[in-house]
Every structure is written in structure tokens, then in C-alpha cells.
């Protein structure tokens, strides 16, 4: 069971964002986010969006830094990945 974090390279709202995911369960992901003070509204189906300023803190709390490709591959392999098509309900 691992919480993964990618690099904060995703621009939105005048800042950069990273993602945290779990490679085993959403319960693990939600527990980690709650312990880190990340609000539930930051959850987007299979990941949390986190601002760049929280990156070092999340790594210190145990999130494992990985590249974007590895994050997506491990999320997909876990069975927790929600595609854009699924998010739109098609």
C-alpha cells in the first residue's frame, strides 16, 4: 500500500498542482489526505489535486514521489483509475 505523488507541473488558478493517488485503496488515499489536512473537495474521482506548496510536506508524511507516467500506470494497475470518459458518465 503506497500513496504516490507526481511533480507539481499542472497549472491552474495561477499556481502549479500535483496529484496524490493510492496504488491500493481509496480508503488509504482518503485517510492520508485527511491526516495531511487536504480538504475532501480536492478529490477528483481517483486522485487529490494538491498545490505545489504542500509537496515537500506530503513527501515528508510518506507520499512516494514518482513521475507522471508511473503514477498513471500504478493507478491503472490498481484498478482505481477513473478515465475522463467514465467521469462524463459515458
PDB file of N, CA and C in Angstrom:
ATOM      1  N   UNK A   1       0.849  -1.177   0.000  1.00  0.00           N
ATOM      2  CA  UNK A   1       0.000   0.000   0.000  1.00  0.00           C
ATOM      3  C   UNK A   1       0.892   1.236   0.000  1.00  0.00           C
ATOM      4  N   UNK A   2       0.686   2.061  -0.992  1.00  0.00           N
ATOM      5  CA  UNK A   2       1.541   3.241  -1.139  1.00  0.00           C
ATOM      6  C   UNK A   2       0.730   4.416  -1.646  1.00  0.00           C
ATOM      7  N   UNK A   3       0.973   5.571  -1.059  1.00  0.00           N
ATOM      8  CA  UNK A   3       0.447   6.820  -1.606  1.00  0.00           C
ATOM      9  C   UNK A   3       1.551   7.410  -2.465  1.00  0.00           C
ATOM     10  N   UNK A   4       1.191   7.754  -3.694  1.00  0.00           N
ATOM     11  CA  UNK A   4       2.139   8.280  -4.676  1.00  0.00           C
ATOM     12  C   UNK A   4       1.846   9.754  -4.940  1.00  0.00           C
ATOM     13  N   UNK A   5       2.883  10.503  -5.269  1.00  0.00           N
ATOM     14  CA  UNK A   5       2.713  11.910  -5.636  1.00  0.00           C
ATOM     15  C   UNK A   5       3.564  12.196  -6.864  1.00  0.00           C
ATOM     16  N   UNK A   6       2.983  12.900  -7.834  1.00  0.00           N
ATOM     17  CA  UNK A   6       3.755  13.301  -9.008  1.00  0.00           C
ATOM     18  C   UNK A   6       4.311  14.703  -8.791  1.00  0.00           C
ATOM     19  N   UNK A   7       5.042  15.194  -9.764  1.00  0.00           N
ATOM     20  CA  UNK A   7       5.637  16.518  -9.667  1.00  0.00           C
ATOM     21  C   UNK A   7       4.561  17.587  -9.877  1.00  0.00           C
ATOM     22  N   UNK A   8       4.702  18.728  -9.225  1.00  0.00           N
ATOM     23  CA  UNK A   8       3.733  19.818  -9.410  1.00  0.00           C
ATOM     24  C   UNK A   8       3.987  20.557 -10.723  1.00  0.00           C
ATOM     25  N   UNK A   9       3.429  20.009 -11.799  1.00  0.00           N
ATOM     26  CA  UNK A   9       3.640  20.585 -13.133  1.00  0.00           C
ATOM     27  C   UNK A   9       2.333  21.008 -13.797  1.00  0.00           C
ATOM     28  N   UNK A  10       1.208  20.840 -13.108  1.00  0.00           N
ATOM     29  CA  UNK A  10      -0.109  21.072 -13.707  1.00  0.00           C
ATOM     30  C   UNK A  10      -0.599  22.470 -13.336  1.00  0.00           C
ATOM     31  N   UNK A  11      -0.628  23.406 -14.294  1.00  0.00           N
ATOM     32  CA  UNK A  11      -1.031  24.776 -13.980  1.00  0.00           C
ATOM     33  C   UNK A  11      -2.560  24.935 -13.896  1.00  0.00           C
ATOM     34  N   UNK A  12      -2.984  25.664 -12.887  1.00  0.00           N
ATOM     35  CA  UNK A  12      -4.392  26.055 -12.742  1.00  0.00           C
ATOM     36  C   UNK A  12      -4.467  27.099 -11.632  1.00  0.00           C
ATOM     37  N   UNK A  13      -5.339  28.069 -11.810  1.00  0.00           N
ATOM     38  CA  UNK A  13      -5.583  29.081 -10.775  1.00  0.00           C
ATOM     39  C   UNK A  13      -4.295  29.779 -10.335  1.00  0.00           C
ATOM     40  N   UNK A  14      -3.447  30.097 -11.296  1.00  0.00           N
ATOM     41  CA  UNK A  14      -2.202  30.841 -11.052  1.00  0.00           C
ATOM     42  C   UNK A  14      -1.214  30.128 -10.129  1.00  0.00           C
ATOM     43  N   UNK A  15      -1.238  28.800 -10.120  1.00  0.00           N
ATOM     44  CA  UNK A  15      -0.236  28.033  -9.385  1.00  0.00           C
ATOM     45  C   UNK A  15      -0.064  26.672 -10.029  1.00  0.00           C
ATOM     46  N   UNK A  16       0.924  25.925  -9.553  1.00  0.00           N
ATOM     47  CA  UNK A  16       1.160  24.577 -10.060  1.00  0.00           C
ATOM     48  C   UNK A  16       0.600  23.558  -9.077  1.00  0.00           C
ATOM     49  N   UNK A  17       0.155  22.426  -9.631  1.00  0.00           N
ATOM     50  CA  UNK A  17      -0.501  21.391  -8.838  1.00  0.00           C
ATOM     51  C   UNK A  17       0.144  20.032  -9.096  1.00  0.00           C
ATOM     52  N   UNK A  18       0.091  19.182  -8.083  1.00  0.00           N
ATOM     53  CA  UNK A  18       0.499  17.783  -8.181  1.00  0.00           C
ATOM     54  C   UNK A  18      -0.739  16.939  -7.888  1.00  0.00           C
ATOM     55  N   UNK A  19      -0.584  15.634  -8.010  1.00  0.00           N
ATOM     56  CA  UNK A  19      -1.660  14.701  -7.702  1.00  0.00           C
ATOM     57  C   UNK A  19      -1.161  13.674  -6.698  1.00  0.00           C
ATOM     58  N   UNK A  20      -2.027  13.266  -5.789  1.00  0.00           N
ATOM     59  CA  UNK A  20      -1.716  12.113  -4.956  1.00  0.00           C
ATOM     60  C   UNK A  20      -2.754  11.036  -5.245  1.00  0.00           C
ATOM     61  N   UNK A  21      -2.274   9.800  -5.287  1.00  0.00           N
ATOM     62  CA  UNK A  21      -3.119   8.629  -5.532  1.00  0.00           C
ATOM     63  C   UNK A  21      -2.660   7.510  -4.612  1.00  0.00           C
ATOM     64  N   UNK A  22      -3.486   6.500  -4.484  1.00  0.00           N
ATOM     65  CA  UNK A  22      -3.092   5.276  -3.793  1.00  0.00           C
ATOM     66  C   UNK A  22      -2.996   4.175  -4.830  1.00  0.00           C
ATOM     67  N   UNK A  23      -2.044   3.279  -4.644  1.00  0.00           N
ATOM     68  CA  UNK A  23      -1.946   2.143  -5.565  1.00  0.00           C
ATOM     69  C   UNK A  23      -2.669   0.923  -5.002  1.00  0.00           C
ATOM     70  N   UNK A  24      -3.506   1.147  -3.952  1.00  0.00           N
ATOM     71  CA  UNK A  24      -4.219   0.004  -3.385  1.00  0.00           C
ATOM     72  C   UNK A  24      -5.656   0.275  -2.975  1.00  0.00           C
ATOM     73  N   UNK A  25      -5.965   1.464  -2.425  1.00  0.00           N
ATOM     74  CA  UNK A  25      -7.354   1.684  -1.993  1.00  0.00           C
ATOM     75  C   UNK A  25      -7.664   3.169  -1.843  1.00  0.00           C
ATOM     76  N   UNK A  26      -8.905   3.496  -2.113  1.00  0.00           N
ATOM     77  CA  UNK A  26      -9.345   4.876  -1.899  1.00  0.00           C
ATOM     78  C   UNK A  26      -9.398   5.194  -0.415  1.00  0.00           C
ATOM     79  N   UNK A  27      -9.682   4.196   0.427  1.00  0.00           N
ATOM     80  CA  UNK A  27      -9.706   4.421   1.878  1.00  0.00           C
ATOM     81  C   UNK A  27      -8.332   4.897   2.356  1.00  0.00           C
ATOM     82  N   UNK A  28      -7.265   4.265   1.851  1.00  0.00           N
ATOM     83  CA  UNK A  28      -5.911   4.684   2.205  1.00  0.00           C
ATOM     84  C   UNK A  28      -5.663   6.119   1.739  1.00  0.00           C
ATOM     85  N   UNK A  29      -6.078   6.427   0.525  1.00  0.00           N
ATOM     86  CA  UNK A  29      -5.885   7.761  -0.026  1.00  0.00           C
ATOM     87  C   UNK A  29      -6.624   8.807   0.799  1.00  0.00           C
ATOM     88  N   UNK A  30      -7.892   8.545   1.124  1.00  0.00           N
ATOM     89  CA  UNK A  30      -8.678   9.497   1.910  1.00  0.00           C
ATOM     90  C   UNK A  30      -8.080   9.684   3.306  1.00  0.00           C
ATOM     91  N   UNK A  31      -7.624   8.610   3.925  1.00  0.00           N
ATOM     92  CA  UNK A  31      -7.017   8.707   5.259  1.00  0.00           C
ATOM     93  C   UNK A  31      -5.746   9.547   5.216  1.00  0.00           C
ATOM     94  N   UNK A  32      -4.921   9.336   4.198  1.00  0.00           N
ATOM     95  CA  UNK A  32      -3.688  10.113   4.055  1.00  0.00           C
ATOM     96  C   UNK A  32      -4.028  11.592   3.861  1.00  0.00           C
ATOM     97  N   UNK A  33      -4.967  11.871   2.967  1.00  0.00           N
ATOM     98  CA  UNK A  33      -5.348  13.255   2.686  1.00  0.00           C
ATOM     99  C   UNK A  33      -5.896  13.932   3.941  1.00  0.00           C
ATOM    100  N   UNK A  34      -6.728  13.237   4.672  1.00  0.00           N
ATOM    101  CA  UNK A  34      -7.295  13.818   5.890  1.00  0.00           C
ATOM    102  C   UNK A  34      -6.183  14.121   6.900  1.00  0.00           C
ATOM    103  N   UNK A  35      -5.270  13.187   7.088  1.00  0.00           N
ATOM    104  CA  UNK A  35      -4.162  13.387   8.026  1.00  0.00           C
ATOM    105  C   UNK A  35      -3.274  14.560   7.602  1.00  0.00           C
ATOM    106  N   UNK A  36      -3.190  14.801   6.302  1.00  0.00           N
ATOM    107  CA  UNK A  36      -2.354  15.881   5.772  1.00  0.00           C
ATOM    108  C   UNK A  36      -3.095  17.210   5.696  1.00  0.00           C
ATOM    109  N   UNK A  37      -4.372  17.213   6.056  1.00  0.00           N
ATOM    110  CA  UNK A  37      -5.141  18.452   6.017  1.00  0.00           C
ATOM    111  C   UNK A  37      -5.602  18.860   4.629  1.00  0.00           C
ATOM    112  N   UNK A  38      -5.690  17.901   3.731  1.00  0.00           N
ATOM    113  CA  UNK A  38      -6.162  18.194   2.382  1.00  0.00           C
ATOM    114  C   UNK A  38      -7.690  18.067   2.384  1.00  0.00           C
ATOM    115  N   UNK A  39      -8.409  19.095   1.972  1.00  0.00           N
ATOM    116  CA  UNK A  39      -9.872  19.045   2.025  1.00  0.00           C
ATOM    117  C   UNK A  39     -10.451  18.049   1.025  1.00  0.00           C
ATOM    118  N   UNK A  40     -11.565  17.451   1.382  1.00  0.00           N
ATOM    119  CA  UNK A  40     -12.220  16.447   0.529  1.00  0.00           C
ATOM    120  C   UNK A  40     -12.604  17.030  -0.833  1.00  0.00           C
ATOM    121  N   UNK A  41     -12.855  18.327  -0.891  1.00  0.00           N
ATOM    122  CA  UNK A  41     -13.232  18.952  -2.171  1.00  0.00           C
ATOM    123  C   UNK A  41     -12.102  18.874  -3.199  1.00  0.00           C
ATOM    124  N   UNK A  42     -10.867  18.567  -2.757  1.00  0.00           N
ATOM    125  CA  UNK A  42      -9.729  18.424  -3.671  1.00  0.00           C
ATOM    126  C   UNK A  42      -9.704  17.050  -4.339  1.00  0.00           C
ATOM    127  N   UNK A  43     -10.626  16.155  -3.948  1.00  0.00           N
ATOM    128  CA  UNK A  43     -10.678  14.803  -4.519  1.00  0.00           C
ATOM    129  C   UNK A  43     -11.401  14.840  -5.858  1.00  0.00           C
ATOM    130  N   UNK A  44     -10.815  14.189  -6.860  1.00  0.00           N
ATOM    131  CA  UNK A  44     -11.398  14.138  -8.203  1.00  0.00           C
ATOM    132  C   UNK A  44     -11.429  12.690  -8.693  1.00  0.00           C
ATOM    133  N   UNK A  45     -12.401  11.937  -8.230  1.00  0.00           N
ATOM    134  CA  UNK A  45     -12.699  10.570  -8.663  1.00  0.00           C
ATOM    135  C   UNK A  45     -11.653   9.516  -8.284  1.00  0.00           C
ATOM    136  N   UNK A  46     -10.380   9.781  -8.522  1.00  0.00           N
ATOM    137  CA  UNK A  46      -9.346   8.786  -8.227  1.00  0.00           C
ATOM    138  C   UNK A  46      -8.053   9.410  -7.689  1.00  0.00           C
ATOM    139  N   UNK A  47      -8.049  10.716  -7.512  1.00  0.00           N
ATOM    140  CA  UNK A  47      -6.853  11.412  -7.032  1.00  0.00           C
ATOM    141  C   UNK A  47      -7.246  12.698  -6.312  1.00  0.00           C
ATOM    142  N   UNK A  48      -6.297  13.213  -5.570  1.00  0.00           N
ATOM    143  CA  UNK A  48      -6.434  14.544  -4.982  1.00  0.00           C
ATOM    144  C   UNK A  48      -5.505  15.477  -5.731  1.00  0.00           C
ATOM    145  N   UNK A  49      -5.994  16.686  -6.001  1.00  0.00           N
ATOM    146  CA  UNK A  49      -5.159  17.755  -6.529  1.00  0.00           C
ATOM    147  C   UNK A  49      -4.563  18.481  -5.330  1.00  0.00           C
ATOM    148  N   UNK A  50      -3.246  18.670  -5.345  1.00  0.00           N
ATOM    149  CA  UNK A  50      -2.581  19.334  -4.223  1.00  0.00           C
ATOM    150  C   UNK A  50      -1.670  20.437  -4.744  1.00  0.00           C
ATOM    151  N   UNK A  51      -1.675  21.588  -4.082  1.00  0.00           N
ATOM    152  CA  UNK A  51      -0.839  22.703  -4.543  1.00  0.00           C
ATOM    153  C   UNK A  51       0.644  22.434  -4.306  1.00  0.00           C
ATOM    154  N   UNK A  52       1.446  23.024  -5.153  1.00  0.00           N
ATOM    155  CA  UNK A  52       2.898  22.864  -5.089  1.00  0.00           C
ATOM    156  C   UNK A  52       3.446  23.136  -3.687  1.00  0.00           C
ATOM    157  N   UNK A  53       2.890  24.105  -2.993  1.00  0.00           N
ATOM    158  CA  UNK A  53       3.404  24.474  -1.662  1.00  0.00           C
ATOM    159  C   UNK A  53       3.290  23.334  -0.652  1.00  0.00           C
ATOM    160  N   UNK A  54       2.426  22.331  -0.900  1.00  0.00           N
ATOM    161  CA  UNK A  54       2.255  21.196   0.023  1.00  0.00           C
ATOM    162  C   UNK A  54       3.150  20.012  -0.330  1.00  0.00           C
ATOM    163  N   UNK A  55       3.850  20.058  -1.475  1.00  0.00           N
ATOM    164  CA  UNK A  55       4.577  18.898  -1.984  1.00  0.00           C
ATOM    165  C   UNK A  55       5.597  18.356  -0.973  1.00  0.00           C
ATOM    166  N   UNK A  56       6.484  19.191  -0.463  1.00  0.00           N
ATOM    167  CA  UNK A  56       7.511  18.735   0.484  1.00  0.00           C
ATOM    168  C   UNK A  56       6.882  18.136   1.737  1.00  0.00           C
ATOM    169  N   UNK A  57       5.833  18.761   2.231  1.00  0.00           N
ATOM    170  CA  UNK A  57       5.140  18.259   3.422  1.00  0.00           C
ATOM    171  C   UNK A  57       4.552  16.868   3.170  1.00  0.00           C
ATOM    172  N   UNK A  58       3.940  16.666   2.006  1.00  0.00           N
ATOM    173  CA  UNK A  58       3.325  15.378   1.693  1.00  0.00           C
ATOM    174  C   UNK A  58       4.370  14.279   1.543  1.00  0.00           C
ATOM    175  N   UNK A  59       5.506  14.613   0.962  1.00  0.00           N
ATOM    176  CA  UNK A  59       6.600  13.642   0.859  1.00  0.00           C
ATOM    177  C   UNK A  59       7.110  13.307   2.263  1.00  0.00           C
ATOM    178  N   UNK A  60       7.250  14.307   3.114  1.00  0.00           N
ATOM    179  CA  UNK A  60       7.700  14.067   4.492  1.00  0.00           C
ATOM    180  C   UNK A  60       6.707  13.180   5.254  1.00  0.00           C
ATOM    181  N   UNK A  61       5.430  13.265   4.901  1.00  0.00           N
ATOM    182  CA  UNK A  61       4.399  12.434   5.546  1.00  0.00           C
ATOM    183  C   UNK A  61       4.347  11.015   4.976  1.00  0.00           C
ATOM    184  N   UNK A  62       5.111  10.771   3.901  1.00  0.00           N
ATOM    185  CA  UNK A  62       5.197   9.416   3.381  1.00  0.00           C
ATOM    186  C   UNK A  62       4.756   9.206   1.947  1.00  0.00           C
ATOM    187  N   UNK A  63       4.296  10.253   1.262  1.00  0.00           N
ATOM    188  CA  UNK A  63       3.941  10.096  -0.154  1.00  0.00           C
ATOM    189  C   UNK A  63       5.217   9.825  -0.943  1.00  0.00           C
ATOM    190  N   UNK A  64       5.160   8.837  -1.816  1.00  0.00           N
ATOM    191  CA  UNK A  64       6.333   8.452  -2.611  1.00  0.00           C
ATOM    192  C   UNK A  64       6.357   9.230  -3.922  1.00  0.00           C
ATOM    193  N   UNK A  65       7.396  10.038  -4.165  1.00  0.00           N
ATOM    194  CA  UNK A  65       7.485  10.778  -5.419  1.00  0.00           C
ATOM    195  C   UNK A  65       7.713   9.834  -6.605  1.00  0.00           C
ATOM    196  N   UNK A  66       6.937  10.025  -7.654  1.00  0.00           N
ATOM    197  CA  UNK A  66       7.075   9.254  -8.890  1.00  0.00           C
ATOM    198  C   UNK A  66       6.796  10.192 -10.061  1.00  0.00           C
ATOM    199  N   UNK A  67       7.207   9.772 -11.240  1.00  0.00           N
ATOM    200  CA  UNK A  67       6.892  10.531 -12.435  1.00  0.00           C
ATOM    201  C   UNK A  67       5.425  10.361 -12.809  1.00  0.00           C
ATOM    202  N   UNK A  68       4.962  11.237 -13.679  1.00  0.00           N
ATOM    203  CA  UNK A  68       3.558  11.201 -14.099  1.00  0.00           C
ATOM    204  C   UNK A  68       3.203   9.855 -14.715  1.00  0.00           C
ATOM    205  N   UNK A  69       4.042   9.354 -15.593  1.00  0.00           N
ATOM    206  CA  UNK A  69       3.765   8.082 -16.264  1.00  0.00           C
ATOM    207  C   UNK A  69       3.619   6.941 -15.248  1.00  0.00           C
ATOM    208  N   UNK A  70       4.551   6.863 -14.295  1.00  0.00           N
ATOM    209  CA  UNK A  70       4.475   5.800 -13.290  1.00  0.00           C
ATOM    210  C   UNK A  70       3.224   5.949 -12.430  1.00  0.00           C
ATOM    211  N   UNK A  71       2.889   7.182 -12.061  1.00  0.00           N
ATOM    212  CA  UNK A  71       1.686   7.411 -11.260  1.00  0.00           C
ATOM    213  C   UNK A  71       0.454   6.856 -11.977  1.00  0.00           C
ATOM    214  N   UNK A  72       0.294   7.175 -13.245  1.00  0.00           N
ATOM    215  CA  UNK A  72      -0.859   6.706 -14.012  1.00  0.00           C
ATOM    216  C   UNK A  72      -0.820   5.191 -14.184  1.00  0.00           C
ATOM    217  N   UNK A  73       0.338   4.644 -14.485  1.00  0.00           N
ATOM    218  CA  UNK A  73       0.440   3.187 -14.667  1.00  0.00           C
ATOM    219  C   UNK A  73       0.077   2.434 -13.396  1.00  0.00           C
ATOM    220  N   UNK A  74       0.570   2.911 -12.260  1.00  0.00           N
ATOM    221  CA  UNK A  74       0.272   2.220 -10.998  1.00  0.00           C
ATOM    222  C   UNK A  74      -1.184   2.420 -10.582  1.00  0.00           C
ATOM    223  N   UNK A  75      -1.743   3.584 -10.882  1.00  0.00           N
ATOM    224  CA  UNK A  75      -3.164   3.812 -10.603  1.00  0.00           C
ATOM    225  C   UNK A  75      -4.014   2.885 -11.464  1.00  0.00           C
ATOM    226  N   UNK A  76      -3.666   2.778 -12.736  1.00  0.00           N
ATOM    227  CA  UNK A  76      -4.393   1.885 -13.647  1.00  0.00           C
ATOM    228  C   UNK A  76      -4.275   0.431 -13.181  1.00  0.00           C
ATOM    229  N   UNK A  77      -3.077  -0.006 -12.819  1.00  0.00           N
ATOM    230  CA  UNK A  77      -2.845  -1.383 -12.377  1.00  0.00           C
ATOM    231  C   UNK A  77      -3.615  -1.705 -11.095  1.00  0.00           C
ATOM    232  N   UNK A  78      -3.872  -0.690 -10.270  1.00  0.00           N
ATOM    233  CA  UNK A  78      -4.599  -0.904  -9.020  1.00  0.00           C
ATOM    234  C   UNK A  78      -6.092  -1.135  -9.247  1.00  0.00           C
ATOM    235  N   UNK A  79      -6.573  -0.760 -10.449  1.00  0.00           N
ATOM    236  CA  UNK A  79      -8.000  -0.860 -10.721  1.00  0.00           C
ATOM    237  C   UNK A  79      -8.789   0.349 -10.247  1.00  0.00           C
ATOM    238  N   UNK A  80      -8.101   1.359  -9.739  1.00  0.00           N
ATOM    239  CA  UNK A  80      -8.781   2.542  -9.207  1.00  0.00           C
ATOM    240  C   UNK A  80      -8.889   3.690 -10.204  1.00  0.00           C
ATOM    241  N   UNK A  81      -8.249   3.571 -11.350  1.00  0.00           N
ATOM    242  CA  UNK A  81      -8.239   4.649 -12.347  1.00  0.00           C
ATOM    243  C   UNK A  81      -9.646   4.922 -12.858  1.00  0.00           C
ATOM    244  N   UNK A  82     -10.014   6.202 -12.902  1.00  0.00           N
ATOM    245  CA  UNK A  82     -11.281   6.641 -13.478  1.00  0.00           C
ATOM    246  C   UNK A  82     -10.921   7.490 -14.691  1.00  0.00           C
ATOM    247  N   UNK A  83     -11.313   7.036 -15.870  1.00  0.00           N
ATOM    248  CA  UNK A  83     -10.978   7.750 -17.102  1.00  0.00           C
ATOM    249  C   UNK A  83     -11.871   8.973 -17.279  1.00  0.00           C
ATOM    250  N   UNK A  84     -11.451   9.869 -18.168  1.00  0.00           N
ATOM    251  CA  UNK A  84     -12.277  11.038 -18.484  1.00  0.00           C
ATOM    252  C   UNK A  84     -13.641  10.608 -19.010  1.00  0.00           C
ATOM    253  N   UNK A  85     -13.653   9.568 -19.811  1.00  0.00           N
ATOM    254  CA  UNK A  85     -14.914   9.050 -20.351  1.00  0.00           C
ATOM    255  C   UNK A  85     -15.840   8.589 -19.216  1.00  0.00           C
ATOM    256  N   UNK A  86     -15.288   7.905 -18.230  1.00  0.00           N
ATOM    257  CA  UNK A  86     -16.089   7.448 -17.089  1.00  0.00           C
ATOM    258  C   UNK A  86     -16.567   8.632 -16.251  1.00  0.00           C
ATOM    259  N   UNK A  87     -15.742   9.656 -16.126  1.00  0.00           N
ATOM    260  CA  UNK A  87     -16.129  10.840 -15.361  1.00  0.00           C
ATOM    261  C   UNK A  87     -17.335  11.550 -15.999  1.00  0.00           C
ATOM    262  N   UNK A  88     -17.394  11.485 -17.309  1.00  0.00           N
ATOM    263  CA  UNK A  88     -18.507  12.113 -18.030  1.00  0.00           C
ATOM    264  C   UNK A  88     -19.753  11.214 -18.059  1.00  0.00           C
ATOM    265  N   UNK A  89     -19.619   9.985 -17.532  1.00  0.00           N
ATOM    266  CA  UNK A  89     -20.765   9.107 -17.437  1.00  0.00           C
ATOM    267  C   UNK A  89     -21.131   8.373 -18.712  1.00  0.00           C
ATOM    268  N   UNK A  90     -20.186   8.213 -19.621  1.00  0.00           N
ATOM    269  CA  UNK A  90     -20.477   7.525 -20.868  1.00  0.00           C
ATOM    270  C   UNK A  90     -20.056   6.094 -20.798  1.00  0.00           C
TER     271      UNK A  90
END
